[in-house]
Amino acid sequence: RQTAETTVTVALDLDGTGAAKISTGIGFLDHMLEL
């Protein structure tokens, strides 16, 4: 998704192992998405 406010890309595998690579610029949100 790209707007004048943000650019966001998400890739996922619902049947994965829980591996995460997160970078939002918001430290606490990164932590929550890793969890």
Full PDB file with SEQRES, HELIX, SHEET, SSBOND, CRYST1, ORIGX, SCALE, CONECT and MASTER records, all heavy atoms in Angstrom:
SEQRES   1 A   35  ARG GLN THR ALA GLU THR THR VAL THR VAL ALA LEU ASP          
SEQRES   2 A   35  LEU ASP GLY THR GLY ALA ALA LYS ILE SER THR GLY ILE          
SEQRES   3 A   35  GLY PHE LEU ASP HIS MET LEU GLU LEU                          
HELIX    1 AA1 GLY A   27  GLU A   34  1                                   8    
CRYST1    1.000    1.000    1.000  90.00  90.00  90.00 P 1           1          
ORIGX1      1.000000  0.000000  0.000000        0.00000                         
ORIGX2      0.000000  1.000000  0.000000        0.00000                         
ORIGX3      0.000000  0.000000  1.000000        0.00000                         
SCALE1      1.000000  0.000000  0.000000        0.00000                         
SCALE2      0.000000  1.000000  0.000000        0.00000                         
SCALE3      0.000000  0.000000  1.000000        0.00000                         
ATOM      1  N   ARG A   1       0.870  -1.187   0.000  1.00  0.00           N  
ATOM      2  CA  ARG A   1       0.000   0.000   0.000  1.00  0.00           C  
ATOM      3  C   ARG A   1       0.902   1.230   0.000  1.00  0.00           C  
ATOM      4  O   ARG A   1       1.847   1.309   0.796  1.00  0.00           O  
ATOM      5  CB  ARG A   1      -0.896  -0.019   1.237  1.00  0.00           C  
ATOM      6  CG  ARG A   1      -1.733   1.256   1.476  1.00  0.00           C  
ATOM      7  CD  ARG A   1      -2.500   1.112   2.782  1.00  0.00           C  
ATOM      8  NE  ARG A   1      -3.183   2.336   3.183  1.00  0.00           N  
ATOM      9  CZ  ARG A   1      -4.446   2.632   2.886  1.00  0.00           C  
ATOM     10  NH1 ARG A   1      -5.167   1.779   2.183  1.00  0.00           N  
ATOM     11  NH2 ARG A   1      -4.991   3.760   3.309  1.00  0.00           N  
ATOM     12  N   GLN A   2       0.606   2.159  -0.893  1.00  0.00           N  
ATOM     13  CA  GLN A   2       1.375   3.397  -0.932  1.00  0.00           C  
ATOM     14  C   GLN A   2       0.417   4.574  -0.997  1.00  0.00           C  
ATOM     15  O   GLN A   2      -0.486   4.617  -1.849  1.00  0.00           O  
ATOM     16  CB  GLN A   2       2.325   3.427  -2.133  1.00  0.00           C  
ATOM     17  CG  GLN A   2       3.218   4.654  -2.140  1.00  0.00           C  
ATOM     18  CD  GLN A   2       4.406   4.525  -3.077  1.00  0.00           C  
ATOM     19  OE1 GLN A   2       4.583   3.510  -3.728  1.00  0.00           O  
ATOM     20  NE2 GLN A   2       5.232   5.553  -3.127  1.00  0.00           N  
ATOM     21  N   THR A   3       0.582   5.505  -0.079  1.00  0.00           N  
ATOM     22  CA  THR A   3      -0.201   6.730  -0.052  1.00  0.00           C  
ATOM     23  C   THR A   3       0.749   7.897   0.167  1.00  0.00           C  
ATOM     24  O   THR A   3       1.969   7.715   0.287  1.00  0.00           O  
ATOM     25  CB  THR A   3      -1.249   6.707   1.083  1.00  0.00           C  
ATOM     26  OG1 THR A   3      -0.573   6.839   2.341  1.00  0.00           O  
ATOM     27  CG2 THR A   3      -2.063   5.420   1.076  1.00  0.00           C  
ATOM     28  N   ALA A   4       0.193   9.083   0.235  1.00  0.00           N  
ATOM     29  CA  ALA A   4       1.018  10.254   0.529  1.00  0.00           C  
ATOM     30  C   ALA A   4       1.544  10.228   1.955  1.00  0.00           C  
ATOM     31  O   ALA A   4       2.478  10.971   2.295  1.00  0.00           O  
ATOM     32  CB  ALA A   4       0.205  11.531   0.297  1.00  0.00           C  
ATOM     33  N   GLU A   5       0.952   9.345   2.796  1.00  0.00           N  
ATOM     34  CA  GLU A   5       1.329   9.291   4.210  1.00  0.00           C  
ATOM     35  C   GLU A   5       2.254   8.126   4.550  1.00  0.00           C  
ATOM     36  O   GLU A   5       3.099   8.250   5.440  1.00  0.00           O  
ATOM     37  CB  GLU A   5       0.061   9.194   5.066  1.00  0.00           C  
ATOM     38  CG  GLU A   5      -0.845  10.395   4.909  1.00  0.00           C  
ATOM     39  CD  GLU A   5      -2.236  10.177   5.478  1.00  0.00           C  
ATOM     40  OE1 GLU A   5      -2.628   9.010   5.673  1.00  0.00           O  
ATOM     41  OE2 GLU A   5      -2.931  11.183   5.720  1.00  0.00           O  
ATOM     42  N   THR A   6       2.083   6.997   3.842  1.00  0.00           N  
ATOM     43  CA  THR A   6       2.852   5.796   4.187  1.00  0.00           C  
ATOM     44  C   THR A   6       3.155   4.956   2.954  1.00  0.00           C  
ATOM     45  O   THR A   6       2.453   5.030   1.942  1.00  0.00           O  
ATOM     46  CB  THR A   6       2.091   4.887   5.176  1.00  0.00           C  
ATOM     47  OG1 THR A   6       0.925   4.358   4.531  1.00  0.00           O  
ATOM     48  CG2 THR A   6       1.710   5.618   6.447  1.00  0.00           C  
ATOM     49  N   THR A   7       4.187   4.134   3.094  1.00  0.00           N  
ATOM     50  CA  THR A   7       4.479   3.053   2.152  1.00  0.00           C  
ATOM     51  C   THR A   7       4.665   1.796   2.987  1.00  0.00           C  
ATOM     52  O   THR A   7       5.533   1.765   3.871  1.00  0.00           O  
ATOM     53  CB  THR A   7       5.751   3.332   1.333  1.00  0.00           C  
ATOM     54  OG1 THR A   7       5.566   4.545   0.591  1.00  0.00           O  
ATOM     55  CG2 THR A   7       6.033   2.186   0.371  1.00  0.00           C  
ATOM     56  N   VAL A   8       3.831   0.783   2.721  1.00  0.00           N  
ATOM     57  CA  VAL A   8       3.835  -0.435   3.549  1.00  0.00           C  
ATOM     58  C   VAL A   8       3.862  -1.662   2.645  1.00  0.00           C  
ATOM     59  O   VAL A   8       3.098  -1.744   1.674  1.00  0.00           O  
ATOM     60  CB  VAL A   8       2.588  -0.506   4.456  1.00  0.00           C  
ATOM     61  CG1 VAL A   8       2.630  -1.770   5.313  1.00  0.00           C  
ATOM     62  CG2 VAL A   8       2.475   0.730   5.331  1.00  0.00           C  
ATOM     63  N   THR A   9       4.724  -2.614   2.980  1.00  0.00           N  
ATOM     64  CA  THR A   9       4.754  -3.905   2.301  1.00  0.00           C  
ATOM     65  C   THR A   9       4.741  -5.002   3.356  1.00  0.00           C  
ATOM     66  O   THR A   9       5.485  -4.928   4.344  1.00  0.00           O  
ATOM     67  CB  THR A   9       5.998  -4.058   1.419  1.00  0.00           C  
ATOM     68  OG1 THR A   9       5.990  -3.029   0.422  1.00  0.00           O  
ATOM     69  CG2 THR A   9       6.015  -5.422   0.727  1.00  0.00           C  
ATOM     70  N   VAL A  10       3.898  -6.014   3.141  1.00  0.00           N  
ATOM     71  CA  VAL A  10       3.789  -7.150   4.054  1.00  0.00           C  
ATOM     72  C   VAL A  10       3.882  -8.439   3.246  1.00  0.00           C  
ATOM     73  O   VAL A  10       3.226  -8.571   2.201  1.00  0.00           O  
ATOM     74  CB  VAL A  10       2.455  -7.127   4.832  1.00  0.00           C  
ATOM     75  CG1 VAL A  10       2.247  -8.439   5.594  1.00  0.00           C  
ATOM     76  CG2 VAL A  10       2.405  -5.946   5.781  1.00  0.00           C  
ATOM     77  N   ALA A  11       4.682  -9.375   3.711  1.00  0.00           N  
ATOM     78  CA  ALA A  11       4.732 -10.726   3.157  1.00  0.00           C  
ATOM     79  C   ALA A  11       4.567 -11.697   4.310  1.00  0.00           C  
ATOM     80  O   ALA A  11       5.146 -11.491   5.389  1.00  0.00           O  
ATOM     81  CB  ALA A  11       6.050 -10.980   2.432  1.00  0.00           C  
ATOM     82  N   LEU A  12       3.769 -12.756   4.096  1.00  0.00           N  
ATOM     83  CA  LEU A  12       3.556 -13.708   5.192  1.00  0.00           C  
ATOM     84  C   LEU A  12       3.292 -15.116   4.687  1.00  0.00           C  
ATOM     85  O   LEU A  12       2.930 -15.331   3.529  1.00  0.00           O  
ATOM     86  CB  LEU A  12       2.409 -13.251   6.100  1.00  0.00           C  
ATOM     87  CG  LEU A  12       1.008 -13.028   5.521  1.00  0.00           C  
ATOM     88  CD1 LEU A  12       0.284 -14.332   5.248  1.00  0.00           C  
ATOM     89  CD2 LEU A  12       0.180 -12.191   6.482  1.00  0.00           C  
ATOM     90  N   ASP A  13       3.515 -16.047   5.584  1.00  0.00           N  
ATOM     91  CA  ASP A  13       3.199 -17.464   5.386  1.00  0.00           C  
ATOM     92  C   ASP A  13       2.453 -17.910   6.628  1.00  0.00           C  
ATOM     93  O   ASP A  13       3.028 -17.941   7.719  1.00  0.00           O  
ATOM     94  CB  ASP A  13       4.483 -18.275   5.192  1.00  0.00           C  
ATOM     95  CG  ASP A  13       4.232 -19.761   4.954  1.00  0.00           C  
ATOM     96  OD1 ASP A  13       3.081 -20.227   5.112  1.00  0.00           O  
ATOM     97  OD2 ASP A  13       5.202 -20.469   4.620  1.00  0.00           O  
ATOM     98  N   LEU A  14       1.160 -18.230   6.474  1.00  0.00           N  
ATOM     99  CA  LEU A  14       0.346 -18.611   7.621  1.00  0.00           C  
ATOM    100  C   LEU A  14       0.799 -19.923   8.249  1.00  0.00           C  
ATOM    101  O   LEU A  14       0.469 -20.198   9.409  1.00  0.00           O  
ATOM    102  CB  LEU A  14      -1.124 -18.731   7.206  1.00  0.00           C  
ATOM    103  CG  LEU A  14      -1.808 -17.447   6.727  1.00  0.00           C  
ATOM    104  CD1 LEU A  14      -3.258 -17.741   6.382  1.00  0.00           C  
ATOM    105  CD2 LEU A  14      -1.708 -16.335   7.767  1.00  0.00           C  
ATOM    106  N   ASP A  15       1.535 -20.730   7.514  1.00  0.00           N  
ATOM    107  CA  ASP A  15       1.978 -22.032   8.016  1.00  0.00           C  
ATOM    108  C   ASP A  15       3.483 -22.039   8.240  1.00  0.00           C  
ATOM    109  O   ASP A  15       4.187 -22.991   7.895  1.00  0.00           O  
ATOM    110  CB  ASP A  15       1.563 -23.129   7.028  1.00  0.00           C  
ATOM    111  CG  ASP A  15       0.059 -23.164   6.829  1.00  0.00           C  
ATOM    112  OD1 ASP A  15      -0.659 -23.312   7.827  1.00  0.00           O  
ATOM    113  OD2 ASP A  15      -0.398 -23.019   5.683  1.00  0.00           O  
ATOM    114  N   GLY A  16       3.965 -20.978   8.841  1.00  0.00           N  
ATOM    115  CA  GLY A  16       5.393 -20.822   9.058  1.00  0.00           C  
ATOM    116  C   GLY A  16       5.838 -21.302  10.422  1.00  0.00           C  
ATOM    117  O   GLY A  16       5.192 -22.138  11.066  1.00  0.00           O  
ATOM    118  N   THR A  17       6.937 -20.721  10.886  1.00  0.00           N  
ATOM    119  CA  THR A  17       7.538 -21.112  12.167  1.00  0.00           C  
ATOM    120  C   THR A  17       7.560 -19.960  13.166  1.00  0.00           C  
ATOM    121  O   THR A  17       8.039 -20.117  14.281  1.00  0.00           O  
ATOM    122  CB  THR A  17       8.977 -21.598  11.954  1.00  0.00           C  
ATOM    123  OG1 THR A  17       9.765 -20.517  11.417  1.00  0.00           O  
ATOM    124  CG2 THR A  17       9.019 -22.796  10.999  1.00  0.00           C  
ATOM    125  N   GLY A  18       7.062 -18.790  12.737  1.00  0.00           N  
ATOM    126  CA  GLY A  18       7.087 -17.630  13.614  1.00  0.00           C  
ATOM    127  C   GLY A  18       8.252 -16.696  13.361  1.00  0.00           C  
ATOM    128  O   GLY A  18       8.496 -15.786  14.156  1.00  0.00           O  
ATOM    129  N   ALA A  19       8.963 -16.892  12.247  1.00  0.00           N  
ATOM    130  CA  ALA A  19      10.072 -16.004  11.908  1.00  0.00           C  
ATOM    131  C   ALA A  19       9.533 -14.620  11.564  1.00  0.00           C  
ATOM    132  O   ALA A  19       8.510 -14.494  10.887  1.00  0.00           O  
ATOM    133  CB  ALA A  19      10.865 -16.569  10.740  1.00  0.00           C  
ATOM    134  N   ALA A  20      10.228 -13.576  12.008  1.00  0.00           N  
ATOM    135  CA  ALA A  20       9.744 -12.223  11.786  1.00  0.00           C  
ATOM    136  C   ALA A  20      10.885 -11.288  11.409  1.00  0.00           C  
ATOM    137  O   ALA A  20      11.980 -11.357  11.961  1.00  0.00           O  
ATOM    138  CB  ALA A  20       9.042 -11.693  13.035  1.00  0.00           C  
ATOM    139  N   LYS A  21      10.585 -10.416  10.454  1.00  0.00           N  
ATOM    140  CA  LYS A  21      11.489  -9.330  10.074  1.00  0.00           C  
ATOM    141  C   LYS A  21      10.620  -8.082   9.969  1.00  0.00           C  
ATOM    142  O   LYS A  21       9.884  -7.916   8.994  1.00  0.00           O  
ATOM    143  CB  LYS A  21      12.182  -9.639   8.751  1.00  0.00           C  
ATOM    144  CG  LYS A  21      13.200  -8.600   8.339  1.00  0.00           C  
ATOM    145  CD  LYS A  21      13.869  -8.983   7.035  1.00  0.00           C  
ATOM    146  CE  LYS A  21      14.886  -7.915   6.609  1.00  0.00           C  
ATOM    147  NZ  LYS A  21      15.508  -8.268   5.295  1.00  0.00           N  
ATOM    148  N   ILE A  22      10.673  -7.249  10.989  1.00  0.00           N  
ATOM    149  CA  ILE A  22       9.724  -6.148  11.136  1.00  0.00           C  
ATOM    150  C   ILE A  22      10.460  -4.811  11.214  1.00  0.00           C  
ATOM    151  O   ILE A  22      11.408  -4.668  11.994  1.00  0.00           O  
ATOM    152  CB  ILE A  22       8.867  -6.305  12.415  1.00  0.00           C  
ATOM    153  CG1 ILE A  22       8.314  -7.730  12.554  1.00  0.00           C  
ATOM    154  CG2 ILE A  22       7.768  -5.261  12.441  1.00  0.00           C  
ATOM    155  CD1 ILE A  22       7.308  -8.129  11.522  1.00  0.00           C  
ATOM    156  N   SER A  23      10.014  -3.850  10.412  1.00  0.00           N  
ATOM    157  CA  SER A  23      10.570  -2.502  10.488  1.00  0.00           C  
ATOM    158  C   SER A  23       9.473  -1.503  10.151  1.00  0.00           C  
ATOM    159  O   SER A  23       9.108  -1.333   8.989  1.00  0.00           O  
ATOM    160  CB  SER A  23      11.742  -2.339   9.514  1.00  0.00           C  
ATOM    161  OG  SER A  23      12.239  -1.015   9.566  1.00  0.00           O  
ATOM    162  N   THR A  24       8.913  -0.869  11.188  1.00  0.00           N  
ATOM    163  CA  THR A  24       7.853   0.117  10.983  1.00  0.00           C  
ATOM    164  C   THR A  24       8.277   1.529  11.386  1.00  0.00           C  
ATOM    165  O   THR A  24       7.556   2.482  11.115  1.00  0.00           O  
ATOM    166  CB  THR A  24       6.594  -0.243  11.796  1.00  0.00           C  
ATOM    167  OG1 THR A  24       6.877  -0.096  13.198  1.00  0.00           O  
ATOM    168  CG2 THR A  24       6.124  -1.657  11.500  1.00  0.00           C  
ATOM    169  N   GLY A  25       9.413   1.639  12.054  1.00  0.00           N  
ATOM    170  CA  GLY A  25       9.819   2.923  12.603  1.00  0.00           C  
ATOM    171  C   GLY A  25       9.216   3.211  13.967  1.00  0.00           C  
ATOM    172  O   GLY A  25       9.518   4.234  14.573  1.00  0.00           O  
ATOM    173  N   ILE A  26       8.357   2.298  14.442  1.00  0.00           N  
ATOM    174  CA  ILE A  26       7.730   2.424  15.760  1.00  0.00           C  
ATOM    175  C   ILE A  26       8.173   1.225  16.587  1.00  0.00           C  
ATOM    176  O   ILE A  26       7.719   0.100  16.360  1.00  0.00           O  
ATOM    177  CB  ILE A  26       6.191   2.466  15.651  1.00  0.00           C  
ATOM    178  CG1 ILE A  26       5.747   3.598  14.723  1.00  0.00           C  
ATOM    179  CG2 ILE A  26       5.569   2.630  17.036  1.00  0.00           C  
ATOM    180  CD1 ILE A  26       4.269   3.572  14.386  1.00  0.00           C  
ATOM    181  N   GLY A  27       9.050   1.450  17.530  1.00  0.00           N  
ATOM    182  CA  GLY A  27       9.673   0.356  18.264  1.00  0.00           C  
ATOM    183  C   GLY A  27       8.677  -0.562  18.940  1.00  0.00           C  
ATOM    184  O   GLY A  27       8.794  -1.794  18.858  1.00  0.00           O  
ATOM    185  N   PHE A  28       7.689   0.005  19.607  1.00  0.00           N  
ATOM    186  CA  PHE A  28       6.751  -0.844  20.344  1.00  0.00           C  
ATOM    187  C   PHE A  28       5.867  -1.641  19.383  1.00  0.00           C  
ATOM    188  O   PHE A  28       5.557  -2.805  19.654  1.00  0.00           O  
ATOM    189  CB  PHE A  28       5.873  -0.015  21.287  1.00  0.00           C  
ATOM    190  CG  PHE A  28       5.103  -0.865  22.261  1.00  0.00           C  
ATOM    191  CD1 PHE A  28       5.728  -1.406  23.370  1.00  0.00           C  
ATOM    192  CD2 PHE A  28       3.764  -1.150  22.054  1.00  0.00           C  
ATOM    193  CE1 PHE A  28       5.033  -2.220  24.267  1.00  0.00           C  
ATOM    194  CE2 PHE A  28       3.055  -1.948  22.942  1.00  0.00           C  
ATOM    195  CZ  PHE A  28       3.689  -2.486  24.047  1.00  0.00           C  
ATOM    196  N   LEU A  29       5.477  -1.052  18.266  1.00  0.00           N  
ATOM    197  CA  LEU A  29       4.694  -1.790  17.276  1.00  0.00           C  
ATOM    198  C   LEU A  29       5.514  -2.922  16.676  1.00  0.00           C  
ATOM    199  O   LEU A  29       4.994  -4.035  16.472  1.00  0.00           O  
ATOM    200  CB  LEU A  29       4.197  -0.848  16.178  1.00  0.00           C  
ATOM    201  CG  LEU A  29       3.307  -1.472  15.102  1.00  0.00           C  
ATOM    202  CD1 LEU A  29       2.059  -2.110  15.700  1.00  0.00           C  
ATOM    203  CD2 LEU A  29       2.937  -0.438  14.046  1.00  0.00           C  
ATOM    204  N   ASP A  30       6.784  -2.681  16.413  1.00  0.00           N  
ATOM    205  CA  ASP A  30       7.665  -3.762  15.943  1.00  0.00           C  
ATOM    206  C   ASP A  30       7.644  -4.930  16.924  1.00  0.00           C  
ATOM    207  O   ASP A  30       7.533  -6.098  16.535  1.00  0.00           O  
ATOM    208  CB  ASP A  30       9.105  -3.265  15.799  1.00  0.00           C  
ATOM    209  CG  ASP A  30       9.302  -2.335  14.612  1.00  0.00           C  
ATOM    210  OD1 ASP A  30       8.341  -2.112  13.852  1.00  0.00           O  
ATOM    211  OD2 ASP A  30      10.430  -1.829  14.462  1.00  0.00           O  
ATOM    212  N   HIS A  31       7.751  -4.614  18.196  1.00  0.00           N  
ATOM    213  CA  HIS A  31       7.759  -5.640  19.246  1.00  0.00           C  
ATOM    214  C   HIS A  31       6.453  -6.431  19.241  1.00  0.00           C  
ATOM    215  O   HIS A  31       6.452  -7.663  19.315  1.00  0.00           O  
ATOM    216  CB  HIS A  31       7.979  -4.965  20.604  1.00  0.00           C  
ATOM    217  CG  HIS A  31       7.997  -5.879  21.772  1.00  0.00           C  
ATOM    218  ND1 HIS A  31       8.657  -7.096  21.777  1.00  0.00           N  
ATOM    219  CD2 HIS A  31       7.412  -5.760  23.008  1.00  0.00           C  
ATOM    220  CE1 HIS A  31       8.490  -7.679  22.953  1.00  0.00           C  
ATOM    221  NE2 HIS A  31       7.727  -6.899  23.709  1.00  0.00           N  
ATOM    222  N   MET A  32       5.319  -5.739  19.106  1.00  0.00           N  
ATOM    223  CA  MET A  32       4.024  -6.421  19.109  1.00  0.00           C  
ATOM    224  C   MET A  32       3.863  -7.312  17.880  1.00  0.00           C  
ATOM    225  O   MET A  32       3.320  -8.431  17.973  1.00  0.00           O  
ATOM    226  CB  MET A  32       2.883  -5.400  19.151  1.00  0.00           C  
ATOM    227  CG  MET A  32       2.787  -4.599  20.437  1.00  0.00           C  
ATOM    228  SD  MET A  32       2.486  -5.604  21.929  1.00  0.00           S  
ATOM    229  CE  MET A  32       4.158  -5.664  22.629  1.00  0.00           C  
ATOM    230  N   LEU A  33       4.350  -6.867  16.730  1.00  0.00           N  
ATOM    231  CA  LEU A  33       4.243  -7.676  15.513  1.00  0.00           C  
ATOM    232  C   LEU A  33       5.175  -8.884  15.562  1.00  0.00           C  
ATOM    233  O   LEU A  33       4.839  -9.955  15.034  1.00  0.00           O  
ATOM    234  CB  LEU A  33       4.536  -6.817  14.285  1.00  0.00           C  
ATOM    235  CG  LEU A  33       3.506  -5.721  14.005  1.00  0.00           C  
ATOM    236  CD1 LEU A  33       3.955  -4.842  12.843  1.00  0.00           C  
ATOM    237  CD2 LEU A  33       2.128  -6.311  13.730  1.00  0.00           C  
ATOM    238  N   GLU A  34       6.319  -8.737  16.198  1.00  0.00           N  
ATOM    239  CA  GLU A  34       7.199  -9.893  16.401  1.00  0.00           C  
ATOM    240  C   GLU A  34       6.526 -10.930  17.291  1.00  0.00           C  
ATOM    241  O   GLU A  34       6.592 -12.145  17.028  1.00  0.00           O  
ATOM    242  CB  GLU A  34       8.526  -9.437  17.014  1.00  0.00           C  
ATOM    243  CG  GLU A  34       9.404  -8.662  16.052  1.00  0.00           C  
ATOM    244  CD  GLU A  34      10.525  -7.908  16.733  1.00  0.00           C  
ATOM    245  OE1 GLU A  34      10.607  -7.959  17.986  1.00  0.00           O  
ATOM    246  OE2 GLU A  34      11.312  -7.244  16.023  1.00  0.00           O  
ATOM    247  N   LEU A  35       5.834 -10.485  18.348  1.00  0.00           N  
ATOM    248  CA  LEU A  35       5.086 -11.392  19.211  1.00  0.00           C  
ATOM    249  C   LEU A  35       3.945 -12.060  18.442  1.00  0.00           C  
ATOM    250  O   LEU A  35       3.695 -13.260  18.600  1.00  0.00           O  
ATOM    251  CB  LEU A  35       4.501 -10.629  20.403  1.00  0.00           C  
ATOM    252  CG  LEU A  35       5.472 -10.022  21.409  1.00  0.00           C  
ATOM    253  CD1 LEU A  35       4.703  -9.171  22.412  1.00  0.00           C  
ATOM    254  CD2 LEU A  35       6.265 -11.105  22.110  1.00  0.00           C  
TER     255      LEU A  35                                                      
MASTER        0    0    0    1    0    0    0    6  254    1    0    3          
END                                                                             
